Amino acid sequence: MAWEDRTPFDAIQAQFNFSHDDVVKIMRNNLSKNSFNLWRKRVRGRKTKHSELRDFKVGRHYSHDQNKHK
């Protein structure tokens, strides 16, 4: 979940009870130094990883051609 760009840290905390700092420690311990640095650079300040930066709170993207049966 931490590697996926669109999964917010809040969702990780809700499901696994790991804080943002816990996730960073886990990633640091399980990735190579280069992979960790690339991941941190990628997720730092990313709106989708930080719920408070998102433009929306609930919902997901639907493609215009996706079947939308309700």
PDB file of N, CA and C in Angstrom:
ATOM      1  N   MET A   1       0.823  -1.193   0.000  1.00  0.00           N
ATOM      2  CA  MET A   1       0.000   0.000   0.000  1.00  0.00           C
ATOM      3  C   MET A   1       0.866   1.255   0.000  1.00  0.00           C
ATOM      4  N   ALA A   2       1.967   1.203   0.678  1.00  0.00           N
ATOM      5  CA  ALA A   2       2.844   2.377   0.737  1.00  0.00           C
ATOM      6  C   ALA A   2       3.480   2.646  -0.621  1.00  0.00           C
ATOM      7  N   TRP A   3       3.769   1.597  -1.380  1.00  0.00           N
ATOM      8  CA  TRP A   3       4.407   1.768  -2.683  1.00  0.00           C
ATOM      9  C   TRP A   3       3.434   2.376  -3.684  1.00  0.00           C
ATOM     10  N   GLU A   4       2.155   2.038  -3.596  1.00  0.00           N
ATOM     11  CA  GLU A   4       1.125   2.544  -4.494  1.00  0.00           C
ATOM     12  C   GLU A   4       0.913   4.037  -4.263  1.00  0.00           C
ATOM     13  N   ASP A   5       1.000   4.821  -5.310  1.00  0.00           N
ATOM     14  CA  ASP A   5       0.950   6.276  -5.193  1.00  0.00           C
ATOM     15  C   ASP A   5      -0.404   6.822  -4.768  1.00  0.00           C
ATOM     16  N   ARG A   6      -1.483   6.122  -5.084  1.00  0.00           N
ATOM     17  CA  ARG A   6      -2.804   6.670  -4.804  1.00  0.00           C
ATOM     18  C   ARG A   6      -3.372   6.242  -3.459  1.00  0.00           C
ATOM     19  N   THR A   7      -2.676   5.409  -2.713  1.00  0.00           N
ATOM     20  CA  THR A   7      -3.151   4.987  -1.404  1.00  0.00           C
ATOM     21  C   THR A   7      -2.633   5.962  -0.359  1.00  0.00           C
ATOM     22  N   PRO A   8      -3.526   6.717   0.296  1.00  0.00           N
ATOM     23  CA  PRO A   8      -3.060   7.705   1.274  1.00  0.00           C
ATOM     24  C   PRO A   8      -2.519   7.050   2.543  1.00  0.00           C
ATOM     25  N   PHE A   9      -1.638   7.762   3.199  1.00  0.00           N
ATOM     26  CA  PHE A   9      -1.091   7.260   4.460  1.00  0.00           C
ATOM     27  C   PHE A   9      -2.194   7.064   5.496  1.00  0.00           C
ATOM     28  N   ASP A  10      -3.267   7.861   5.419  1.00  0.00           N
ATOM     29  CA  ASP A  10      -4.392   7.703   6.349  1.00  0.00           C
ATOM     30  C   ASP A  10      -5.046   6.328   6.207  1.00  0.00           C
ATOM     31  N   ALA A  11      -5.140   5.829   4.977  1.00  0.00           N
ATOM     32  CA  ALA A  11      -5.727   4.509   4.748  1.00  0.00           C
ATOM     33  C   ALA A  11      -4.843   3.414   5.340  1.00  0.00           C
ATOM     34  N   ILE A  12      -3.543   3.590   5.238  1.00  0.00           N
ATOM     35  CA  ILE A  12      -2.605   2.623   5.819  1.00  0.00           C
ATOM     36  C   ILE A  12      -2.756   2.629   7.346  1.00  0.00           C
ATOM     37  N   GLN A  13      -2.877   3.825   7.916  1.00  0.00           N
ATOM     38  CA  GLN A  13      -3.038   3.914   9.370  1.00  0.00           C
ATOM     39  C   GLN A  13      -4.364   3.303   9.813  1.00  0.00           C
ATOM     40  N   ALA A  14      -5.431   3.545   9.068  1.00  0.00           N
ATOM     41  CA  ALA A  14      -6.739   2.999   9.424  1.00  0.00           C
ATOM     42  C   ALA A  14      -6.748   1.472   9.373  1.00  0.00           C
ATOM     43  N   GLN A  15      -6.069   0.910   8.376  1.00  0.00           N
ATOM     44  CA  GLN A  15      -6.095  -0.540   8.217  1.00  0.00           C
ATOM     45  C   GLN A  15      -5.056  -1.257   9.076  1.00  0.00           C
ATOM     46  N   PHE A  16      -3.875  -0.695   9.218  1.00  0.00           N
ATOM     47  CA  PHE A  16      -2.782  -1.394   9.883  1.00  0.00           C
ATOM     48  C   PHE A  16      -2.286  -0.715  11.155  1.00  0.00           C
ATOM     49  N   ASN A  17      -2.797   0.491  11.433  1.00  0.00           N
ATOM     50  CA  ASN A  17      -2.400   1.265  12.606  1.00  0.00           C
ATOM     51  C   ASN A  17      -0.916   1.639  12.585  1.00  0.00           C
ATOM     52  N   PHE A  18      -0.392   1.903  11.373  1.00  0.00           N
ATOM     53  CA  PHE A  18       0.977   2.388  11.208  1.00  0.00           C
ATOM     54  C   PHE A  18       0.915   3.874  10.877  1.00  0.00           C
ATOM     55  N   SER A  19       1.616   4.687  11.636  1.00  0.00           N
ATOM     56  CA  SER A  19       1.674   6.114  11.354  1.00  0.00           C
ATOM     57  C   SER A  19       2.536   6.350  10.113  1.00  0.00           C
ATOM     58  N   HIS A  20       2.515   7.581   9.635  1.00  0.00           N
ATOM     59  CA  HIS A  20       3.362   7.962   8.499  1.00  0.00           C
ATOM     60  C   HIS A  20       4.819   7.631   8.801  1.00  0.00           C
ATOM     61  N   ASP A  21       5.285   7.981  10.010  1.00  0.00           N
ATOM     62  CA  ASP A  21       6.680   7.707  10.387  1.00  0.00           C
ATOM     63  C   ASP A  21       6.971   6.215  10.425  1.00  0.00           C
ATOM     64  N   ASP A  22       5.994   5.406  10.887  1.00  0.00           N
ATOM     65  CA  ASP A  22       6.167   3.946  10.901  1.00  0.00           C
ATOM     66  C   ASP A  22       6.332   3.414   9.480  1.00  0.00           C
ATOM     67  N   VAL A  23       5.512   3.927   8.563  1.00  0.00           N
ATOM     68  CA  VAL A  23       5.576   3.484   7.166  1.00  0.00           C
ATOM     69  C   VAL A  23       6.938   3.831   6.568  1.00  0.00           C
ATOM     70  N   VAL A  24       7.417   5.028   6.853  1.00  0.00           N
ATOM     71  CA  VAL A  24       8.729   5.444   6.344  1.00  0.00           C
ATOM     72  C   VAL A  24       9.815   4.518   6.883  1.00  0.00           C
ATOM     73  N   LYS A  25       9.760   4.180   8.161  1.00  0.00           N
ATOM     74  CA  LYS A  25      10.755   3.263   8.754  1.00  0.00           C
ATOM     75  C   LYS A  25      10.697   1.891   8.108  1.00  0.00           C
ATOM     76  N   ILE A  26       9.481   1.384   7.878  1.00  0.00           N
ATOM     77  CA  ILE A  26       9.314   0.070   7.244  1.00  0.00           C
ATOM     78  C   ILE A  26       9.894   0.089   5.829  1.00  0.00           C
ATOM     79  N   MET A  27       9.572   1.139   5.094  1.00  0.00           N
ATOM     80  CA  MET A  27      10.085   1.246   3.726  1.00  0.00           C
ATOM     81  C   MET A  27      11.605   1.379   3.731  1.00  0.00           C
ATOM     82  N   ARG A  28      12.148   2.156   4.641  1.00  0.00           N
ATOM     83  CA  ARG A  28      13.607   2.326   4.727  1.00  0.00           C
ATOM     84  C   ARG A  28      14.289   0.988   5.011  1.00  0.00           C
ATOM     85  N   ASN A  29      13.689   0.186   5.887  1.00  0.00           N
ATOM     86  CA  ASN A  29      14.294  -1.095   6.266  1.00  0.00           C
ATOM     87  C   ASN A  29      14.139  -2.185   5.217  1.00  0.00           C
ATOM     88  N   ASN A  30      13.174  -2.031   4.311  1.00  0.00           N
ATOM     89  CA  ASN A  30      12.884  -3.107   3.357  1.00  0.00           C
ATOM     90  C   ASN A  30      13.245  -2.788   1.911  1.00  0.00           C
ATOM     91  N   LEU A  31      13.674  -1.571   1.656  1.00  0.00           N
ATOM     92  CA  LEU A  31      14.084  -1.200   0.305  1.00  0.00           C
ATOM     93  C   LEU A  31      15.581  -0.913   0.288  1.00  0.00           C
ATOM     94  N   SER A  32      16.152  -1.038  -0.893  1.00  0.00           N
ATOM     95  CA  SER A  32      17.541  -0.610  -1.029  1.00  0.00           C
ATOM     96  C   SER A  32      17.574   0.903  -0.826  1.00  0.00           C
ATOM     97  N   LYS A  33      18.748   1.429  -0.542  1.00  0.00           N
ATOM     98  CA  LYS A  33      18.880   2.860  -0.296  1.00  0.00           C
ATOM     99  C   LYS A  33      18.378   3.661  -1.494  1.00  0.00           C
ATOM    100  N   ASN A  34      18.759   3.255  -2.688  1.00  0.00           N
ATOM    101  CA  ASN A  34      18.343   3.962  -3.892  1.00  0.00           C
ATOM    102  C   ASN A  34      16.827   3.886  -4.083  1.00  0.00           C
ATOM    103  N   SER A  35      16.243   2.710  -3.906  1.00  0.00           N
ATOM    104  CA  SER A  35      14.793   2.560  -4.062  1.00  0.00           C
ATOM    105  C   SER A  35      14.045   3.385  -3.027  1.00  0.00           C
ATOM    106  N   PHE A  36      14.539   3.389  -1.795  1.00  0.00           N
ATOM    107  CA  PHE A  36      13.912   4.194  -0.754  1.00  0.00           C
ATOM    108  C   PHE A  36      13.956   5.674  -1.114  1.00  0.00           C
ATOM    109  N   ASN A  37      15.115   6.150  -1.549  1.00  0.00           N
ATOM    110  CA  ASN A  37      15.247   7.559  -1.911  1.00  0.00           C
ATOM    111  C   ASN A  37      14.319   7.936  -3.073  1.00  0.00           C
ATOM    112  N   LEU A  38      14.199   7.063  -4.054  1.00  0.00           N
ATOM    113  CA  LEU A  38      13.288   7.319  -5.165  1.00  0.00           C
ATOM    114  C   LEU A  38      11.839   7.347  -4.691  1.00  0.00           C
ATOM    115  N   TRP A  39      11.467   6.416  -3.810  1.00  0.00           N
ATOM    116  CA  TRP A  39      10.112   6.374  -3.260  1.00  0.00           C
ATOM    117  C   TRP A  39       9.810   7.643  -2.473  1.00  0.00           C
ATOM    118  N   ARG A  40      10.727   8.065  -1.587  1.00  0.00           N
ATOM    119  CA  ARG A  40      10.516   9.272  -0.782  1.00  0.00           C
ATOM    120  C   ARG A  40      10.375  10.502  -1.665  1.00  0.00           C
ATOM    121  N   LYS A  41      11.197  10.581  -2.682  1.00  0.00           N
ATOM    122  CA  LYS A  41      11.118  11.715  -3.593  1.00  0.00           C
ATOM    123  C   LYS A  41       9.773  11.724  -4.314  1.00  0.00           C
ATOM    124  N   ARG A  42       9.291  10.538  -4.672  1.00  0.00           N
ATOM    125  CA  ARG A  42       8.039  10.414  -5.407  1.00  0.00           C
ATOM    126  C   ARG A  42       6.820  10.764  -4.545  1.00  0.00           C
ATOM    127  N   VAL A  43       6.797  10.325  -3.283  1.00  0.00           N
ATOM    128  CA  VAL A  43       5.598  10.514  -2.459  1.00  0.00           C
ATOM    129  C   VAL A  43       5.613  11.803  -1.633  1.00  0.00           C
ATOM    130  N   ARG A  44       6.755  12.426  -1.491  1.00  0.00           N
ATOM    131  CA  ARG A  44       6.826  13.645  -0.687  1.00  0.00           C
ATOM    132  C   ARG A  44       5.966  14.740  -1.318  1.00  0.00           C
ATOM    133  N   GLY A  45       4.968  15.175  -0.579  1.00  0.00           N
ATOM    134  CA  GLY A  45       4.097  16.236  -1.038  1.00  0.00           C
ATOM    135  C   GLY A  45       3.071  15.823  -2.076  1.00  0.00           C
ATOM    136  N   ARG A  46       3.029  14.545  -2.430  1.00  0.00           N
ATOM    137  CA  ARG A  46       2.074  14.061  -3.431  1.00  0.00           C
ATOM    138  C   ARG A  46       0.665  14.142  -2.847  1.00  0.00           C
ATOM    139  N   LYS A  47      -0.234  14.788  -3.557  1.00  0.00           N
ATOM    140  CA  LYS A  47      -1.596  14.987  -3.067  1.00  0.00           C
ATOM    141  C   LYS A  47      -2.301  13.675  -2.776  1.00  0.00           C
ATOM    142  N   THR A  48      -2.053  12.654  -3.572  1.00  0.00           N
ATOM    143  CA  THR A  48      -2.769  11.398  -3.387  1.00  0.00           C
ATOM    144  C   THR A  48      -2.287  10.616  -2.179  1.00  0.00           C
ATOM    145  N   LYS A  49      -1.081  10.875  -1.694  1.00  0.00           N
ATOM    146  CA  LYS A  49      -0.561  10.155  -0.533  1.00  0.00           C
ATOM    147  C   LYS A  49      -0.911  10.851   0.779  1.00  0.00           C
ATOM    148  N   HIS A  50      -1.296  12.109   0.706  1.00  0.00           N
ATOM    149  CA  HIS A  50      -1.582  12.892   1.905  1.00  0.00           C
ATOM    150  C   HIS A  50      -3.011  13.410   1.815  1.00  0.00           C
ATOM    151  N   SER A  51      -3.912  12.847   2.592  1.00  0.00           N
ATOM    152  CA  SER A  51      -5.333  13.176   2.498  1.00  0.00           C
ATOM    153  C   SER A  51      -5.607  14.662   2.664  1.00  0.00           C
ATOM    154  N   GLU A  52      -4.838  15.329   3.514  1.00  0.00           N
ATOM    155  CA  GLU A  52      -5.087  16.753   3.735  1.00  0.00           C
ATOM    156  C   GLU A  52      -4.752  17.599   2.508  1.00  0.00           C
ATOM    157  N   LEU A  53      -3.999  17.066   1.569  1.00  0.00           N
ATOM    158  CA  LEU A  53      -3.654  17.788   0.350  1.00  0.00           C
ATOM    159  C   LEU A  53      -4.602  17.488  -0.809  1.00  0.00           C
ATOM    160  N   ARG A  54      -5.445  16.470  -0.649  1.00  0.00           N
ATOM    161  CA  ARG A  54      -6.350  16.068  -1.725  1.00  0.00           C
ATOM    162  C   ARG A  54      -7.427  17.097  -1.965  1.00  0.00           C
ATOM    163  N   ASP A  55      -7.862  17.189  -3.218  1.00  0.00           N
ATOM    164  CA  ASP A  55      -8.970  18.060  -3.573  1.00  0.00           C
ATOM    165  C   ASP A  55     -10.310  17.440  -3.207  1.00  0.00           C
ATOM    166  N   PHE A  56     -10.332  16.129  -3.019  1.00  0.00           N
ATOM    167  CA  PHE A  56     -11.562  15.430  -2.684  1.00  0.00           C
ATOM    168  C   PHE A  56     -11.308  14.546  -1.464  1.00  0.00           C
ATOM    169  N   LYS A  57     -12.360  14.213  -0.743  1.00  0.00           N
ATOM    170  CA  LYS A  57     -12.209  13.381   0.451  1.00  0.00           C
ATOM    171  C   LYS A  57     -12.661  11.943   0.198  1.00  0.00           C
ATOM    172  N   VAL A  58     -13.721  11.778  -0.582  1.00  0.00           N
ATOM    173  CA  VAL A  58     -14.265  10.453  -0.842  1.00  0.00           C
ATOM    174  C   VAL A  58     -14.510  10.328  -2.331  1.00  0.00           C
ATOM    175  N   GLY A  59     -14.319   9.154  -2.839  1.00  0.00           N
ATOM    176  CA  GLY A  59     -14.625   8.919  -4.241  1.00  0.00           C
ATOM    177  C   GLY A  59     -13.432   8.387  -4.996  1.00  0.00           C
ATOM    178  N   ARG A  60     -13.695   8.092  -6.248  1.00  0.00           N
ATOM    179  CA  ARG A  60     -12.636   7.602  -7.100  1.00  0.00           C
ATOM    180  C   ARG A  60     -12.882   8.069  -8.515  1.00  0.00           C
ATOM    181  N   HIS A  61     -11.864   7.970  -9.325  1.00  0.00           N
ATOM    182  CA  HIS A  61     -11.958   8.395 -10.717  1.00  0.00           C
ATOM    183  C   HIS A  61     -12.658   7.331 -11.544  1.00  0.00           C
ATOM    184  N   TYR A  62     -13.546   7.764 -12.415  1.00  0.00           N
ATOM    185  CA  TYR A  62     -14.174   6.875 -13.385  1.00  0.00           C
ATOM    186  C   TYR A  62     -13.831   7.374 -14.780  1.00  0.00           C
ATOM    187  N   SER A  63     -13.396   6.477 -15.618  1.00  0.00           N
ATOM    188  CA  SER A  63     -13.133   6.816 -17.006  1.00  0.00           C
ATOM    189  C   SER A  63     -14.458   7.152 -17.692  1.00  0.00           C
ATOM    190  N   HIS A  64     -14.421   8.038 -18.674  1.00  0.00           N
ATOM    191  CA  HIS A  64     -15.649   8.428 -19.381  1.00  0.00           C
ATOM    192  C   HIS A  64     -16.288   7.249 -20.108  1.00  0.00           C
ATOM    193  N   ASP A  65     -15.507   6.248 -20.457  1.00  0.00           N
ATOM    194  CA  ASP A  65     -16.057   5.102 -21.171  1.00  0.00           C
ATOM    195  C   ASP A  65     -16.266   3.877 -20.271  1.00  0.00           C
ATOM    196  N   GLN A  66     -16.095   4.051 -18.976  1.00  0.00           N
ATOM    197  CA  GLN A  66     -16.297   2.945 -18.041  1.00  0.00           C
ATOM    198  C   GLN A  66     -17.792   2.739 -17.822  1.00  0.00           C
ATOM    199  N   ASN A  67     -18.205   1.488 -17.766  1.00  0.00           N
ATOM    200  CA  ASN A  67     -19.608   1.158 -17.549  1.00  0.00           C
ATOM    201  C   ASN A  67     -20.024   1.650 -16.165  1.00  0.00           C
ATOM    202  N   LYS A  68     -21.071   2.458 -16.092  1.00  0.00           N
ATOM    203  CA  LYS A  68     -21.469   3.072 -14.829  1.00  0.00           C
ATOM    204  C   LYS A  68     -22.857   2.610 -14.385  1.00  0.00           C
ATOM    205  N   HIS A  69     -23.066   1.318 -14.299  1.00  0.00           N
ATOM    206  CA  HIS A  69     -24.350   0.815 -13.806  1.00  0.00           C
ATOM    207  C   HIS A  69     -24.432   1.049 -12.319  1.00  0.00           C
ATOM    208  N   LYS A  70     -25.559   1.596 -11.883  1.00  0.00           N
ATOM    209  CA  LYS A  70     -25.741   1.854 -10.445  1.00  0.00           C
ATOM    210  C   LYS A  70     -26.880   1.045  -9.915  1.00  0.00           C
TER     211      LYS A  70
END
